[in-house]
PDB file of N, CA and C in Angstrom:
ATOM      1  N   UNK A   1       0.851  -1.169   0.000  1.00  0.00           N
ATOM      2  CA  UNK A   1       0.000   0.000   0.000  1.00  0.00           C
ATOM      3  C   UNK A   1       0.901   1.238   0.000  1.00  0.00           C
ATOM      4  N   UNK A   2       0.498   2.241  -0.767  1.00  0.00           N
ATOM      5  CA  UNK A   2       1.262   3.485  -0.808  1.00  0.00           C
ATOM      6  C   UNK A   2       0.592   4.539   0.070  1.00  0.00           C
ATOM      7  N   UNK A   3       1.412   5.445   0.580  1.00  0.00           N
ATOM      8  CA  UNK A   3       0.943   6.503   1.455  1.00  0.00           C
ATOM      9  C   UNK A   3       1.404   7.845   0.914  1.00  0.00           C
ATOM     10  N   UNK A   4       0.595   8.890   1.139  1.00  0.00           N
ATOM     11  CA  UNK A   4       0.967  10.239   0.756  1.00  0.00           C
ATOM     12  C   UNK A   4       0.843  11.151   1.959  1.00  0.00           C
ATOM     13  N   UNK A   5       1.702  12.160   1.999  1.00  0.00           N
ATOM     14  CA  UNK A   5       1.735  13.083   3.126  1.00  0.00           C
ATOM     15  C   UNK A   5       1.811  14.514   2.611  1.00  0.00           C
ATOM     16  N   UNK A   6       1.326  15.450   3.403  1.00  0.00           N
ATOM     17  CA  UNK A   6       1.448  16.862   3.025  1.00  0.00           C
ATOM     18  C   UNK A   6       2.772  17.416   3.558  1.00  0.00           C
ATOM     19  N   UNK A   7       2.982  18.699   3.392  1.00  0.00           N
ATOM     20  CA  UNK A   7       4.249  19.311   3.798  1.00  0.00           C
ATOM     21  C   UNK A   7       4.455  19.316   5.314  1.00  0.00           C
ATOM     22  N   UNK A   8       3.391  19.063   6.083  1.00  0.00           N
ATOM     23  CA  UNK A   8       3.501  18.962   7.540  1.00  0.00           C
ATOM     24  C   UNK A   8       3.594  17.518   8.002  1.00  0.00           C
ATOM     25  N   UNK A   9       3.776  16.596   7.056  1.00  0.00           N
ATOM     26  CA  UNK A   9       3.875  15.155   7.315  1.00  0.00           C
ATOM     27  C   UNK A   9       2.569  14.553   7.830  1.00  0.00           C
ATOM     28  N   UNK A  10       1.438  15.185   7.499  1.00  0.00           N
ATOM     29  CA  UNK A  10       0.136  14.622   7.843  1.00  0.00           C
ATOM     30  C   UNK A  10      -0.329  13.728   6.701  1.00  0.00           C
ATOM     31  N   UNK A  11      -0.936  12.621   7.027  1.00  0.00           N
ATOM     32  CA  UNK A  11      -1.399  11.650   6.032  1.00  0.00           C
ATOM     33  C   UNK A  11      -2.467  12.259   5.132  1.00  0.00           C
ATOM     34  N   UNK A  12      -2.288  12.146   3.819  1.00  0.00           N
ATOM     35  CA  UNK A  12      -3.275  12.631   2.850  1.00  0.00           C
ATOM     36  C   UNK A  12      -3.772  11.528   1.934  1.00  0.00           C
ATOM     37  N   UNK A  13      -3.074  10.389   1.913  1.00  0.00           N
ATOM     38  CA  UNK A  13      -3.490   9.278   1.070  1.00  0.00           C
ATOM     39  C   UNK A  13      -2.985   7.977   1.664  1.00  0.00           C
ATOM     40  N   UNK A  14      -3.869   6.972   1.694  1.00  0.00           N
ATOM     41  CA  UNK A  14      -3.510   5.624   2.123  1.00  0.00           C
ATOM     42  C   UNK A  14      -4.138   4.664   1.126  1.00  0.00           C
ATOM     43  N   UNK A  15      -3.343   4.206   0.179  1.00  0.00           N
ATOM     44  CA  UNK A  15      -3.882   3.384  -0.898  1.00  0.00           C
ATOM     45  C   UNK A  15      -4.871   4.198  -1.705  1.00  0.00           C
ATOM     46  N   UNK A  16      -6.100   3.706  -1.828  1.00  0.00           N
ATOM     47  CA  UNK A  16      -7.138   4.402  -2.592  1.00  0.00           C
ATOM     48  C   UNK A  16      -7.895   5.441  -1.762  1.00  0.00           C
ATOM     49  N   UNK A  17      -7.628   5.497  -0.466  1.00  0.00           N
ATOM     50  CA  UNK A  17      -8.302   6.442   0.418  1.00  0.00           C
ATOM     51  C   UNK A  17      -7.599   7.791   0.369  1.00  0.00           C
ATOM     52  N   UNK A  18      -8.359   8.843   0.069  1.00  0.00           N
ATOM     53  CA  UNK A  18      -7.836  10.205   0.072  1.00  0.00           C
ATOM     54  C   UNK A  18      -8.391  10.948   1.278  1.00  0.00           C
ATOM     55  N   UNK A  19      -7.507  11.609   2.015  1.00  0.00           N
ATOM     56  CA  UNK A  19      -7.900  12.390   3.185  1.00  0.00           C
ATOM     57  C   UNK A  19      -7.693  13.864   2.874  1.00  0.00           C
ATOM     58  N   UNK A  20      -8.703  14.679   3.161  1.00  0.00           N
ATOM     59  CA  UNK A  20      -8.627  16.117   2.948  1.00  0.00           C
ATOM     60  C   UNK A  20      -8.498  16.792   4.305  1.00  0.00           C
ATOM     61  N   UNK A  21      -7.587  17.769   4.361  1.00  0.00           N
ATOM     62  CA  UNK A  21      -7.314  18.434   5.635  1.00  0.00           C
ATOM     63  C   UNK A  21      -7.453  19.943   5.498  1.00  0.00           C
ATOM     64  N   UNK A  22      -7.786  20.585   6.604  1.00  0.00           N
ATOM     65  CA  UNK A  22      -7.836  22.046   6.675  1.00  0.00           C
ATOM     66  C   UNK A  22      -6.409  22.573   6.553  1.00  0.00           C
ATOM     67  N   UNK A  23      -6.177  23.499   5.645  1.00  0.00           N
ATOM     68  CA  UNK A  23      -4.826  24.011   5.430  1.00  0.00           C
ATOM     69  C   UNK A  23      -4.333  24.864   6.589  1.00  0.00           C
ATOM     70  N   UNK A  24      -5.229  25.400   7.392  1.00  0.00           N
ATOM     71  CA  UNK A  24      -4.828  26.250   8.519  1.00  0.00           C
ATOM     72  C   UNK A  24      -4.381  25.455   9.744  1.00  0.00           C
ATOM     73  N   UNK A  25      -5.092  24.341  10.029  1.00  0.00           N
ATOM     74  CA  UNK A  25      -4.786  23.619  11.267  1.00  0.00           C
ATOM     75  C   UNK A  25      -4.566  22.116  11.105  1.00  0.00           C
ATOM     76  N   UNK A  26      -4.728  21.592   9.902  1.00  0.00           N
ATOM     77  CA  UNK A  26      -4.469  20.181   9.644  1.00  0.00           C
ATOM     78  C   UNK A  26      -5.574  19.236  10.041  1.00  0.00           C
ATOM     79  N   UNK A  27      -6.694  19.750  10.564  1.00  0.00           N
ATOM     80  CA  UNK A  27      -7.775  18.847  10.970  1.00  0.00           C
ATOM     81  C   UNK A  27      -8.399  18.174   9.748  1.00  0.00           C
ATOM     82  N   UNK A  28      -8.852  16.967   9.948  1.00  0.00           N
ATOM     83  CA  UNK A  28      -9.460  16.185   8.876  1.00  0.00           C
ATOM     84  C   UNK A  28     -10.815  16.780   8.508  1.00  0.00           C
ATOM     85  N   UNK A  29     -11.023  17.114   7.232  1.00  0.00           N
ATOM     86  CA  UNK A  29     -12.285  17.700   6.798  1.00  0.00           C
ATOM     87  C   UNK A  29     -13.079  16.772   5.894  1.00  0.00           C
ATOM     88  N   UNK A  30     -12.463  15.682   5.439  1.00  0.00           N
ATOM     89  CA  UNK A  30     -13.197  14.750   4.602  1.00  0.00           C
ATOM     90  C   UNK A  30     -12.315  13.623   4.106  1.00  0.00           C
ATOM     91  N   UNK A  31     -12.985  12.582   3.622  1.00  0.00           N
ATOM     92  CA  UNK A  31     -12.287  11.461   3.015  1.00  0.00           C
ATOM     93  C   UNK A  31     -13.052  11.018   1.778  1.00  0.00           C
ATOM     94  N   UNK A  32     -12.351  10.353   0.871  1.00  0.00           N
ATOM     95  CA  UNK A  32     -12.965   9.784  -0.317  1.00  0.00           C
ATOM     96  C   UNK A  32     -12.345   8.420  -0.572  1.00  0.00           C
ATOM     97  N   UNK A  33     -13.197   7.451  -0.832  1.00  0.00           N
ATOM     98  CA  UNK A  33     -12.771   6.111  -1.200  1.00  0.00           C
ATOM     99  C   UNK A  33     -13.729   5.617  -2.270  1.00  0.00           C
ATOM    100  N   UNK A  34     -13.281   5.646  -3.506  1.00  0.00           N
ATOM    101  CA  UNK A  34     -14.153   5.282  -4.617  1.00  0.00           C
ATOM    102  C   UNK A  34     -15.299   6.266  -4.725  1.00  0.00           C
ATOM    103  N   UNK A  35     -16.538   5.767  -4.662  1.00  0.00           N
ATOM    104  CA  UNK A  35     -17.714   6.634  -4.787  1.00  0.00           C
ATOM    105  C   UNK A  35     -18.231   7.110  -3.430  1.00  0.00           C
ATOM    106  N   UNK A  36     -17.593   6.684  -2.345  1.00  0.00           N
ATOM    107  CA  UNK A  36     -18.014   7.051  -0.995  1.00  0.00           C
ATOM    108  C   UNK A  36     -17.169   8.223  -0.498  1.00  0.00           C
ATOM    109  N   UNK A  37     -17.840   9.284  -0.038  1.00  0.00           N
ATOM    110  CA  UNK A  37     -17.159  10.456   0.513  1.00  0.00           C
ATOM    111  C   UNK A  37     -17.818  10.853   1.813  1.00  0.00           C
ATOM    112  N   UNK A  38     -17.050  11.474   2.673  1.00  0.00           N
ATOM    113  CA  UNK A  38     -17.634  12.051   3.878  1.00  0.00           C
ATOM    114  C   UNK A  38     -16.978  13.391   4.158  1.00  0.00           C
ATOM    115  N   UNK A  39     -17.634  14.180   4.997  1.00  0.00           N
ATOM    116  CA  UNK A  39     -17.086  15.481   5.363  1.00  0.00           C
ATOM    117  C   UNK A  39     -17.365  15.749   6.833  1.00  0.00           C
ATOM    118  N   UNK A  40     -16.441  16.491   7.438  1.00  0.00           N
ATOM    119  CA  UNK A  40     -16.527  16.829   8.844  1.00  0.00           C
ATOM    120  C   UNK A  40     -16.348  18.328   8.990  1.00  0.00           C
ATOM    121  N   UNK A  41     -17.049  18.928   9.949  1.00  0.00           N
ATOM    122  CA  UNK A  41     -16.917  20.357  10.236  1.00  0.00           C
ATOM    123  C   UNK A  41     -16.706  20.536  11.734  1.00  0.00           C
ATOM    124  N   UNK A  42     -15.968  21.576  12.070  1.00  0.00           N
ATOM    125  CA  UNK A  42     -15.588  21.826  13.459  1.00  0.00           C
ATOM    126  C   UNK A  42     -15.903  23.268  13.837  1.00  0.00           C
ATOM    127  N   UNK A  43     -16.030  23.513  15.145  1.00  0.00           N
ATOM    128  CA  UNK A  43     -16.198  24.887  15.623  1.00  0.00           C
ATOM    129  C   UNK A  43     -14.823  25.489  15.921  1.00  0.00           C
ATOM    130  N   UNK A  44     -14.790  26.694  16.460  1.00  0.00           N
ATOM    131  CA  UNK A  44     -13.523  27.379  16.733  1.00  0.00           C
ATOM    132  C   UNK A  44     -12.680  26.718  17.816  1.00  0.00           C
ATOM    133  N   UNK A  45     -13.283  25.812  18.582  1.00  0.00           N
ATOM    134  CA  UNK A  45     -12.554  25.085  19.614  1.00  0.00           C
ATOM    135  C   UNK A  45     -12.033  23.748  19.099  1.00  0.00           C
ATOM    136  N   UNK A  46     -12.267  23.448  17.815  1.00  0.00           N
ATOM    137  CA  UNK A  46     -11.829  22.186  17.233  1.00  0.00           C
ATOM    138  C   UNK A  46     -12.754  21.025  17.543  1.00  0.00           C
ATOM    139  N   UNK A  47     -13.956  21.335  18.015  1.00  0.00           N
ATOM    140  CA  UNK A  47     -14.929  20.290  18.349  1.00  0.00           C
ATOM    141  C   UNK A  47     -15.795  19.993  17.126  1.00  0.00           C
ATOM    142  N   UNK A  48     -16.078  18.726  16.910  1.00  0.00           N
ATOM    143  CA  UNK A  48     -16.896  18.311  15.781  1.00  0.00           C
ATOM    144  C   UNK A  48     -18.300  18.903  15.871  1.00  0.00           C
ATOM    145  N   UNK A  49     -18.763  19.541  14.772  1.00  0.00           N
ATOM    146  CA  UNK A  49     -20.106  20.117  14.743  1.00  0.00           C
ATOM    147  C   UNK A  49     -21.025  19.400  13.768  1.00  0.00           C
ATOM    148  N   UNK A  50     -20.455  18.763  12.745  1.00  0.00           N
ATOM    149  CA  UNK A  50     -21.300  18.018  11.813  1.00  0.00           C
ATOM    150  C   UNK A  50     -20.490  16.978  11.052  1.00  0.00           C
ATOM    151  N   UNK A  51     -21.205  15.958  10.589  1.00  0.00           N
ATOM    152  CA  UNK A  51     -20.621  14.881   9.792  1.00  0.00           C
ATOM    153  C   UNK A  51     -21.654  14.495   8.747  1.00  0.00           C
ATOM    154  N   UNK A  52     -21.196  14.250   7.529  1.00  0.00           N
ATOM    155  CA  UNK A  52     -22.106  13.771   6.488  1.00  0.00           C
ATOM    156  C   UNK A  52     -21.368  12.802   5.579  1.00  0.00           C
ATOM    157  N   UNK A  53     -22.125  11.902   4.989  1.00  0.00           N
ATOM    158  CA  UNK A  53     -21.565  10.903   4.079  1.00  0.00           C
ATOM    159  C   UNK A  53     -22.428  10.822   2.829  1.00  0.00           C
ATOM    160  N   UNK A  54     -21.769  10.572   1.689  1.00  0.00           N
ATOM    161  CA  UNK A  54     -22.467  10.439   0.420  1.00  0.00           C
ATOM    162  C   UNK A  54     -21.936   9.238  -0.351  1.00  0.00           C
ATOM    163  N   UNK A  55     -22.780   8.718  -1.216  1.00  0.00           N
ATOM    164  CA  UNK A  55     -22.382   7.706  -2.192  1.00  0.00           C
ATOM    165  C   UNK A  55     -22.745   8.260  -3.553  1.00  0.00           C
ATOM    166  N   UNK A  56     -21.755   8.391  -4.406  1.00  0.00           N
ATOM    167  CA  UNK A  56     -21.930   8.971  -5.748  1.00  0.00           C
ATOM    168  C   UNK A  56     -22.645  10.320  -5.684  1.00  0.00           C
ATOM    169  N   UNK A  57     -22.350  11.100  -4.657  1.00  0.00           N
ATOM    170  CA  UNK A  57     -22.931  12.429  -4.506  1.00  0.00           C
ATOM    171  C   UNK A  57     -24.305  12.454  -3.860  1.00  0.00           C
ATOM    172  N   UNK A  58     -24.906  11.291  -3.628  1.00  0.00           N
ATOM    173  CA  UNK A  58     -26.220  11.234  -2.978  1.00  0.00           C
ATOM    174  C   UNK A  58     -26.048  11.064  -1.474  1.00  0.00           C
ATOM    175  N   UNK A  59     -26.672  11.945  -0.680  1.00  0.00           N
ATOM    176  CA  UNK A  59     -26.513  11.860   0.777  1.00  0.00           C
ATOM    177  C   UNK A  59     -27.093  10.573   1.336  1.00  0.00           C
ATOM    178  N   UNK A  60     -26.329   9.940   2.239  1.00  0.00           N
ATOM    179  CA  UNK A  60     -26.829   8.725   2.898  1.00  0.00           C
ATOM    180  C   UNK A  60     -26.891   8.890   4.416  1.00  0.00           C
ATOM    181  N   UNK A  61     -26.139   9.870   4.939  1.00  0.00           N
ATOM    182  CA  UNK A  61     -26.118  10.067   6.388  1.00  0.00           C
ATOM    183  C   UNK A  61     -25.661  11.487   6.678  1.00  0.00           C
ATOM    184  N   UNK A  62     -26.297  12.111   7.663  1.00  0.00           N
ATOM    185  CA  UNK A  62     -25.910  13.454   8.067  1.00  0.00           C
ATOM    186  C   UNK A  62     -26.304  13.660   9.518  1.00  0.00           C
ATOM    187  N   UNK A  63     -25.415  14.279  10.284  1.00  0.00           N
ATOM    188  CA  UNK A  63     -25.711  14.558  11.678  1.00  0.00           C
ATOM    189  C   UNK A  63     -25.062  15.881  12.068  1.00  0.00           C
ATOM    190  N   UNK A  64     -25.739  16.650  12.900  1.00  0.00           N
ATOM    191  CA  UNK A  64     -25.212  17.909  13.421  1.00  0.00           C
ATOM    192  C   UNK A  64     -25.212  17.842  14.935  1.00  0.00           C
ATOM    193  N   UNK A  65     -24.198  18.424  15.525  1.00  0.00           N
ATOM    194  CA  UNK A  65     -24.061  18.417  16.969  1.00  0.00           C
ATOM    195  C   UNK A  65     -24.104  19.844  17.505  1.00  0.00           C
ATOM    196  N   UNK A  66     -24.682  19.996  18.665  1.00  0.00           N
ATOM    197  CA  UNK A  66     -24.646  21.274  19.377  1.00  0.00           C
ATOM    198  C   UNK A  66     -23.926  21.033  20.693  1.00  0.00           C
ATOM    199  N   UNK A  67     -23.419  22.100  21.260  1.00  0.00           N
ATOM    200  CA  UNK A  67     -22.738  21.998  22.550  1.00  0.00           C
ATOM    201  C   UNK A  67     -23.253  23.095  23.469  1.00  0.00           C
ATOM    202  N   UNK A  68     -23.360  22.745  24.741  1.00  0.00           N
ATOM    203  CA  UNK A  68     -23.749  23.769  25.713  1.00  0.00           C
ATOM    204  C   UNK A  68     -22.504  24.536  26.158  1.00  0.00           C
ATOM    205  N   UNK A  69     -22.652  25.464  27.079  1.00  0.00           N
ATOM    206  CA  UNK A  69     -21.531  26.311  27.504  1.00  0.00           C
ATOM    207  C   UNK A  69     -20.434  25.533  28.218  1.00  0.00           C
ATOM    208  N   UNK A  70     -20.739  24.315  28.667  1.00  0.00           N
ATOM    209  CA  UNK A  70     -19.731  23.474  29.300  1.00  0.00           C
ATOM    210  C   UNK A  70     -19.076  22.522  28.298  1.00  0.00           C
ATOM    211  N   UNK A  71     -19.492  22.609  27.031  1.00  0.00           N
ATOM    212  CA  UNK A  71     -18.905  21.769  25.990  1.00  0.00           C
ATOM    213  C   UNK A  71     -19.545  20.406  25.846  1.00  0.00           C
ATOM    214  N   UNK A  72     -20.637  20.178  26.566  1.00  0.00           N
ATOM    215  CA  UNK A  72     -21.312  18.883  26.458  1.00  0.00           C
ATOM    216  C   UNK A  72     -22.055  18.818  25.129  1.00  0.00           C
ATOM    217  N   UNK A  73     -22.007  17.677  24.496  1.00  0.00           N
ATOM    218  CA  UNK A  73     -22.550  17.509  23.163  1.00  0.00           C
ATOM    219  C   UNK A  73     -23.972  16.951  23.194  1.00  0.00           C
ATOM    220  N   UNK A  74     -24.790  17.484  22.278  1.00  0.00           N
ATOM    221  CA  UNK A  74     -26.122  16.956  22.045  1.00  0.00           C
ATOM    222  C   UNK A  74     -26.330  16.866  20.543  1.00  0.00           C
ATOM    223  N   UNK A  75     -27.212  15.991  20.110  1.00  0.00           N
ATOM    224  CA  UNK A  75     -27.503  15.836  18.685  1.00  0.00           C
ATOM    225  C   UNK A  75     -28.576  16.834  18.302  1.00  0.00           C
ATOM    226  N   UNK A  76     -28.282  17.646  17.289  1.00  0.00           N
ATOM    227  CA  UNK A  76     -29.244  18.636  16.832  1.00  0.00           C
ATOM    228  C   UNK A  76     -30.165  18.050  15.765  1.00  0.00           C
ATOM    229  N   UNK A  77     -29.570  17.400  14.776  1.00  0.00           N
ATOM    230  CA  UNK A  77     -30.385  16.787  13.728  1.00  0.00           C
ATOM    231  C   UNK A  77     -29.678  15.562  13.198  1.00  0.00           C
ATOM    232  N   UNK A  78     -30.472  14.583  12.832  1.00  0.00           N
ATOM    233  CA  UNK A  78     -29.963  13.328  12.290  1.00  0.00           C
ATOM    234  C   UNK A  78     -30.783  12.988  11.070  1.00  0.00           C
ATOM    235  N   UNK A  79     -30.126  12.767   9.976  1.00  0.00           N
ATOM    236  CA  UNK A  79     -30.837  12.383   8.737  1.00  0.00           C
ATOM    237  C   UNK A  79     -30.244  11.129   8.177  1.00  0.00           C
TER     238      UNK A  79
END
């Protein structure tokens, strides 16, 4: 299996899996493997706020998270 890395030595490719990262902080923002893709979003504290997955561009899963002032997570919407 071949691996690819960015200029900060963060993994960007593992075989057929492609990993997309935020250029500012290196956090994982999405992956692609064949026709399956997913994406992740974060708030200013680096906490996960949403995740979604698609097959051939058609949505199959999506979830959004909210956090209270103490950082506790709750599910806002699930599709």
